[in-house]
């Protein structure tokens, strides 16, 4: 995840949006690793950071959009459309993000 964040930060694009969902495979290291990802994201030149899931919900942030469930993230995105944005979206397939409601599913 940190490598993906570094590569995204290096892009010379305006209006970057970062959408991250819990990394469910981390087990005992989940709290520490999620906070490390948030800390790295806060150092980046990102317009908007959105975090979803119970692990990210427990992280210390600086006012980013944080929701416990994908449903609430989708509602936020519907109310605040992501037009003309450069988006990095990393949401685990384990989270309840169905293809029919995933705003990042392209057909």
N, C-alpha and C. Protein backbone atom coordinates (compact mmCIF):
# COMPACT_ATOMS: atom_id res chain seq x y z
N UNK A 1 0.83 -1.20 0.00
CA UNK A 1 0.00 0.00 0.00
C UNK A 1 0.87 1.26 0.00
N UNK A 2 1.94 1.25 0.80
CA UNK A 2 2.79 2.44 0.86
C UNK A 2 3.45 2.73 -0.49
N UNK A 3 3.81 1.69 -1.22
CA UNK A 3 4.39 1.89 -2.55
C UNK A 3 3.38 2.53 -3.50
N UNK A 4 2.13 2.10 -3.43
CA UNK A 4 1.08 2.69 -4.26
C UNK A 4 0.88 4.16 -3.91
N UNK A 5 0.93 4.48 -2.62
CA UNK A 5 0.77 5.87 -2.20
C UNK A 5 1.93 6.73 -2.71
N UNK A 6 3.14 6.22 -2.63
CA UNK A 6 4.30 6.95 -3.11
C UNK A 6 4.21 7.22 -4.61
N UNK A 7 3.81 6.21 -5.37
CA UNK A 7 3.67 6.37 -6.82
C UNK A 7 2.57 7.37 -7.15
N UNK A 8 1.46 7.32 -6.44
CA UNK A 8 0.36 8.25 -6.66
C UNK A 8 0.78 9.68 -6.34
N UNK A 9 1.49 9.84 -5.24
CA UNK A 9 1.95 11.17 -4.84
C UNK A 9 2.89 11.77 -5.88
N UNK A 10 3.66 10.93 -6.55
CA UNK A 10 4.62 11.40 -7.55
C UNK A 10 3.98 11.86 -8.85
N UNK A 11 2.72 11.50 -9.08
CA UNK A 11 2.03 11.92 -10.30
C UNK A 11 1.89 13.43 -10.34
N UNK A 12 2.16 14.00 -11.47
CA UNK A 12 2.01 15.44 -11.65
C UNK A 12 0.60 15.73 -12.15
N UNK A 13 -0.35 15.58 -11.27
CA UNK A 13 -1.76 15.78 -11.60
C UNK A 13 -2.40 16.67 -10.54
N UNK A 14 -3.29 17.57 -10.95
CA UNK A 14 -4.03 18.36 -9.96
C UNK A 14 -5.21 17.56 -9.41
N UNK A 15 -5.74 18.00 -8.33
CA UNK A 15 -6.99 17.46 -7.77
C UNK A 15 -6.94 15.95 -7.54
N UNK A 16 -5.95 15.49 -6.79
CA UNK A 16 -5.84 14.07 -6.49
C UNK A 16 -6.75 13.70 -5.32
N UNK A 17 -7.42 12.55 -5.48
CA UNK A 17 -8.32 12.02 -4.45
C UNK A 17 -7.85 10.61 -4.11
N UNK A 18 -7.73 10.35 -2.81
CA UNK A 18 -7.31 9.05 -2.33
C UNK A 18 -8.46 8.41 -1.58
N UNK A 19 -8.87 7.21 -2.02
CA UNK A 19 -9.95 6.48 -1.37
C UNK A 19 -9.40 5.13 -0.94
N UNK A 20 -9.34 4.92 0.37
CA UNK A 20 -8.76 3.69 0.90
C UNK A 20 -9.75 2.97 1.80
N UNK A 21 -9.82 1.65 1.62
CA UNK A 21 -10.63 0.81 2.48
C UNK A 21 -9.73 -0.05 3.34
N UNK A 22 -10.28 -0.53 4.43
CA UNK A 22 -9.52 -1.36 5.36
C UNK A 22 -8.76 -2.48 4.67
N UNK A 23 -7.57 -2.73 5.17
CA UNK A 23 -6.75 -3.84 4.71
C UNK A 23 -7.02 -4.98 5.69
N UNK A 24 -7.89 -5.89 5.29
CA UNK A 24 -8.42 -6.89 6.22
C UNK A 24 -7.47 -8.05 6.48
N UNK A 25 -6.39 -8.13 5.75
CA UNK A 25 -5.48 -9.26 5.86
C UNK A 25 -4.38 -9.06 6.89
N UNK A 26 -4.39 -7.97 7.65
CA UNK A 26 -3.26 -7.63 8.51
C UNK A 26 -3.28 -8.24 9.91
N UNK A 27 -4.38 -8.77 10.33
CA UNK A 27 -4.45 -9.45 11.63
C UNK A 27 -4.02 -8.56 12.79
N UNK A 28 -3.08 -9.06 13.59
CA UNK A 28 -2.64 -8.36 14.80
C UNK A 28 -1.97 -7.01 14.52
N UNK A 29 -1.53 -6.80 13.29
CA UNK A 29 -0.82 -5.56 12.94
C UNK A 29 -1.75 -4.50 12.34
N UNK A 30 -3.04 -4.78 12.30
CA UNK A 30 -3.98 -3.91 11.60
C UNK A 30 -3.96 -2.47 12.10
N UNK A 31 -4.08 -2.26 13.39
CA UNK A 31 -4.16 -0.89 13.92
C UNK A 31 -2.91 -0.09 13.56
N UNK A 32 -1.75 -0.66 13.80
CA UNK A 32 -0.48 0.00 13.53
C UNK A 32 -0.30 0.28 12.04
N UNK A 33 -0.59 -0.69 11.19
CA UNK A 33 -0.39 -0.53 9.75
C UNK A 33 -1.36 0.47 9.14
N UNK A 34 -2.61 0.47 9.60
CA UNK A 34 -3.58 1.44 9.09
C UNK A 34 -3.15 2.86 9.46
N UNK A 35 -2.68 3.05 10.69
CA UNK A 35 -2.22 4.38 11.09
C UNK A 35 -1.01 4.80 10.28
N UNK A 36 -0.12 3.86 9.98
CA UNK A 36 1.06 4.19 9.15
C UNK A 36 0.64 4.66 7.76
N UNK A 37 -0.35 4.01 7.18
CA UNK A 37 -0.85 4.41 5.86
C UNK A 37 -1.46 5.81 5.95
N UNK A 38 -2.25 6.07 6.99
CA UNK A 38 -2.86 7.39 7.16
C UNK A 38 -1.76 8.45 7.33
N UNK A 39 -0.76 8.16 8.14
CA UNK A 39 0.33 9.12 8.34
C UNK A 39 1.01 9.45 7.02
N UNK A 40 1.26 8.45 6.20
CA UNK A 40 1.90 8.68 4.89
C UNK A 40 0.98 9.51 4.00
N UNK A 41 -0.30 9.18 3.98
CA UNK A 41 -1.26 9.92 3.15
C UNK A 41 -1.32 11.39 3.56
N UNK A 42 -1.22 11.66 4.85
CA UNK A 42 -1.27 13.04 5.33
C UNK A 42 -0.05 13.85 4.90
N UNK A 43 1.05 13.18 4.58
CA UNK A 43 2.26 13.86 4.11
C UNK A 43 2.20 14.19 2.62
N UNK A 44 1.24 13.61 1.92
CA UNK A 44 1.17 13.73 0.47
C UNK A 44 0.44 14.99 0.04
N UNK A 45 0.58 15.33 -1.25
CA UNK A 45 -0.15 16.46 -1.82
C UNK A 45 -1.44 15.92 -2.43
N UNK A 46 -2.42 15.72 -1.57
CA UNK A 46 -3.71 15.12 -1.94
C UNK A 46 -4.81 16.12 -1.60
N UNK A 47 -5.72 16.34 -2.53
CA UNK A 47 -6.84 17.26 -2.29
C UNK A 47 -7.82 16.68 -1.28
N UNK A 48 -8.17 15.40 -1.46
CA UNK A 48 -9.17 14.76 -0.62
C UNK A 48 -8.73 13.36 -0.26
N UNK A 49 -8.87 13.01 1.01
CA UNK A 49 -8.60 11.65 1.48
C UNK A 49 -9.89 11.11 2.06
N UNK A 50 -10.30 9.94 1.56
CA UNK A 50 -11.50 9.27 2.06
C UNK A 50 -11.09 7.89 2.56
N UNK A 51 -11.50 7.57 3.79
CA UNK A 51 -11.15 6.29 4.40
C UNK A 51 -12.42 5.56 4.77
N UNK A 52 -12.43 4.24 4.55
CA UNK A 52 -13.63 3.47 4.86
C UNK A 52 -13.25 2.19 5.58
N UNK A 53 -14.04 1.85 6.60
CA UNK A 53 -13.86 0.62 7.35
C UNK A 53 -13.56 0.87 8.81
N UNK A 54 -13.79 -0.13 9.63
CA UNK A 54 -13.58 0.04 11.07
C UNK A 54 -12.12 0.29 11.46
N UNK A 55 -11.16 -0.28 10.74
CA UNK A 55 -9.76 -0.03 11.07
C UNK A 55 -9.37 1.41 10.79
N UNK A 56 -9.70 1.90 9.60
CA UNK A 56 -9.40 3.29 9.28
C UNK A 56 -10.22 4.25 10.15
N UNK A 57 -11.41 3.85 10.56
CA UNK A 57 -12.24 4.70 11.40
C UNK A 57 -11.58 4.97 12.75
N UNK A 58 -10.69 4.07 13.18
CA UNK A 58 -10.01 4.24 14.46
C UNK A 58 -8.71 5.01 14.37
N UNK A 59 -8.35 5.48 13.19
CA UNK A 59 -7.07 6.18 13.00
C UNK A 59 -7.18 7.66 13.35
N UNK A 60 -6.06 8.23 13.75
CA UNK A 60 -5.96 9.67 14.00
C UNK A 60 -5.70 10.37 12.68
N UNK A 61 -6.54 11.35 12.37
CA UNK A 61 -6.43 12.07 11.10
C UNK A 61 -6.54 13.57 11.35
N UNK A 62 -6.64 14.31 10.27
CA UNK A 62 -6.77 15.77 10.36
C UNK A 62 -8.01 16.26 9.63
N UNK A 63 -9.15 15.60 9.84
CA UNK A 63 -10.39 16.06 9.24
C UNK A 63 -10.76 15.41 7.93
N UNK A 64 -10.13 14.30 7.59
CA UNK A 64 -10.45 13.61 6.35
C UNK A 64 -11.85 12.98 6.44
N UNK A 65 -12.38 12.60 5.29
CA UNK A 65 -13.67 11.91 5.25
C UNK A 65 -13.43 10.48 5.71
N UNK A 66 -14.05 10.10 6.82
CA UNK A 66 -13.89 8.74 7.34
C UNK A 66 -15.28 8.17 7.59
N UNK A 67 -15.53 6.99 7.04
CA UNK A 67 -16.81 6.33 7.25
C UNK A 67 -16.56 4.87 7.64
N UNK A 68 -17.51 4.28 8.34
CA UNK A 68 -17.34 2.91 8.79
C UNK A 68 -17.77 1.89 7.74
N UNK A 69 -18.66 2.32 6.82
CA UNK A 69 -19.16 1.37 5.83
C UNK A 69 -19.16 1.99 4.44
N UNK A 70 -19.01 1.14 3.44
CA UNK A 70 -18.99 1.60 2.04
C UNK A 70 -20.26 2.35 1.67
N UNK A 71 -21.40 1.93 2.22
CA UNK A 71 -22.67 2.59 1.94
C UNK A 71 -22.56 4.09 2.20
N UNK A 72 -21.96 4.46 3.33
CA UNK A 72 -21.84 5.88 3.68
C UNK A 72 -20.86 6.61 2.77
N UNK A 73 -19.83 5.91 2.33
CA UNK A 73 -18.90 6.52 1.38
C UNK A 73 -19.60 6.79 0.05
N UNK A 74 -20.39 5.83 -0.41
CA UNK A 74 -21.14 6.03 -1.65
C UNK A 74 -22.08 7.22 -1.54
N UNK A 75 -22.74 7.36 -0.41
CA UNK A 75 -23.64 8.49 -0.19
C UNK A 75 -22.86 9.81 -0.22
N UNK A 76 -21.68 9.82 0.37
CA UNK A 76 -20.85 11.02 0.36
C UNK A 76 -20.43 11.37 -1.07
N UNK A 77 -20.04 10.36 -1.84
CA UNK A 77 -19.61 10.59 -3.22
C UNK A 77 -20.79 11.06 -4.08
N UNK A 78 -21.97 10.52 -3.84
CA UNK A 78 -23.16 10.98 -4.58
C UNK A 78 -23.41 12.46 -4.31
N UNK A 79 -23.24 12.87 -3.06
CA UNK A 79 -23.48 14.27 -2.68
C UNK A 79 -22.33 15.19 -3.11
N UNK A 80 -21.15 14.62 -3.29
CA UNK A 80 -19.95 15.38 -3.66
C UNK A 80 -19.26 14.68 -4.82
N UNK A 81 -19.79 14.81 -6.03
CA UNK A 81 -19.25 14.07 -7.18
C UNK A 81 -17.76 14.32 -7.41
N UNK A 82 -17.09 13.28 -7.85
CA UNK A 82 -15.64 13.35 -8.09
C UNK A 82 -15.37 13.57 -9.58
N UNK A 83 -15.69 14.74 -10.06
CA UNK A 83 -15.49 15.07 -11.46
C UNK A 83 -14.13 15.73 -11.65
N UNK A 84 -13.46 15.39 -12.75
CA UNK A 84 -12.16 15.96 -13.09
C UNK A 84 -11.13 15.76 -11.98
N UNK A 85 -11.13 14.58 -11.41
CA UNK A 85 -10.20 14.23 -10.33
C UNK A 85 -9.30 13.08 -10.76
N UNK A 86 -8.11 13.03 -10.23
CA UNK A 86 -7.20 11.90 -10.39
C UNK A 86 -7.38 11.06 -9.13
N UNK A 87 -7.89 9.83 -9.28
CA UNK A 87 -8.31 9.03 -8.13
C UNK A 87 -7.49 7.76 -8.00
N UNK A 88 -7.03 7.51 -6.77
CA UNK A 88 -6.47 6.21 -6.41
C UNK A 88 -7.46 5.58 -5.45
N UNK A 89 -8.03 4.46 -5.84
CA UNK A 89 -9.02 3.76 -5.02
C UNK A 89 -8.49 2.37 -4.70
N UNK A 90 -8.34 2.09 -3.43
CA UNK A 90 -7.89 0.78 -2.96
C UNK A 90 -8.85 0.34 -1.87
N UNK A 91 -9.86 -0.41 -2.25
CA UNK A 91 -10.84 -0.92 -1.30
C UNK A 91 -10.86 -2.43 -1.44
N UNK A 92 -10.64 -3.12 -0.34
CA UNK A 92 -10.57 -4.58 -0.34
C UNK A 92 -11.84 -5.19 -0.91
N UNK A 93 -11.66 -6.26 -1.66
CA UNK A 93 -12.81 -6.99 -2.18
C UNK A 93 -13.65 -7.59 -1.06
N UNK A 94 -13.07 -7.68 0.12
CA UNK A 94 -13.78 -8.22 1.28
C UNK A 94 -14.83 -7.24 1.81
N UNK A 95 -14.63 -5.95 1.53
CA UNK A 95 -15.61 -4.97 2.00
C UNK A 95 -16.84 -5.03 1.09
N UNK A 96 -18.01 -4.73 1.63
CA UNK A 96 -19.26 -4.87 0.87
C UNK A 96 -19.48 -3.78 -0.16
N UNK A 97 -18.73 -3.78 -1.21
CA UNK A 97 -18.76 -2.80 -2.30
C UNK A 97 -19.22 -3.60 -3.51
N UNK A 98 -20.47 -3.65 -3.80
CA UNK A 98 -20.93 -4.46 -4.93
C UNK A 98 -20.63 -3.73 -6.24
N UNK A 99 -20.39 -4.48 -7.32
CA UNK A 99 -20.09 -3.86 -8.61
C UNK A 99 -21.19 -2.94 -9.08
N UNK A 100 -22.44 -3.25 -8.69
CA UNK A 100 -23.54 -2.42 -9.15
C UNK A 100 -23.53 -1.04 -8.49
N UNK A 101 -22.95 -0.93 -7.28
CA UNK A 101 -22.95 0.36 -6.63
C UNK A 101 -21.56 0.98 -6.54
N UNK A 102 -20.56 0.28 -7.00
CA UNK A 102 -19.19 0.79 -6.94
C UNK A 102 -19.03 1.90 -8.00
N UNK A 103 -18.78 3.13 -7.54
CA UNK A 103 -18.67 4.22 -8.51
C UNK A 103 -17.43 4.15 -9.39
N UNK A 104 -16.55 3.17 -9.15
CA UNK A 104 -15.32 3.04 -9.90
C UNK A 104 -15.34 1.84 -10.83
N UNK A 105 -16.51 1.20 -10.98
CA UNK A 105 -16.65 0.09 -11.92
C UNK A 105 -16.96 0.67 -13.28
N UNK A 106 -16.11 0.40 -14.24
CA UNK A 106 -16.32 0.94 -15.59
C UNK A 106 -16.75 -0.18 -16.51
N UNK A 107 -17.68 0.12 -17.38
CA UNK A 107 -18.19 -0.90 -18.29
C UNK A 107 -17.89 -0.55 -19.72
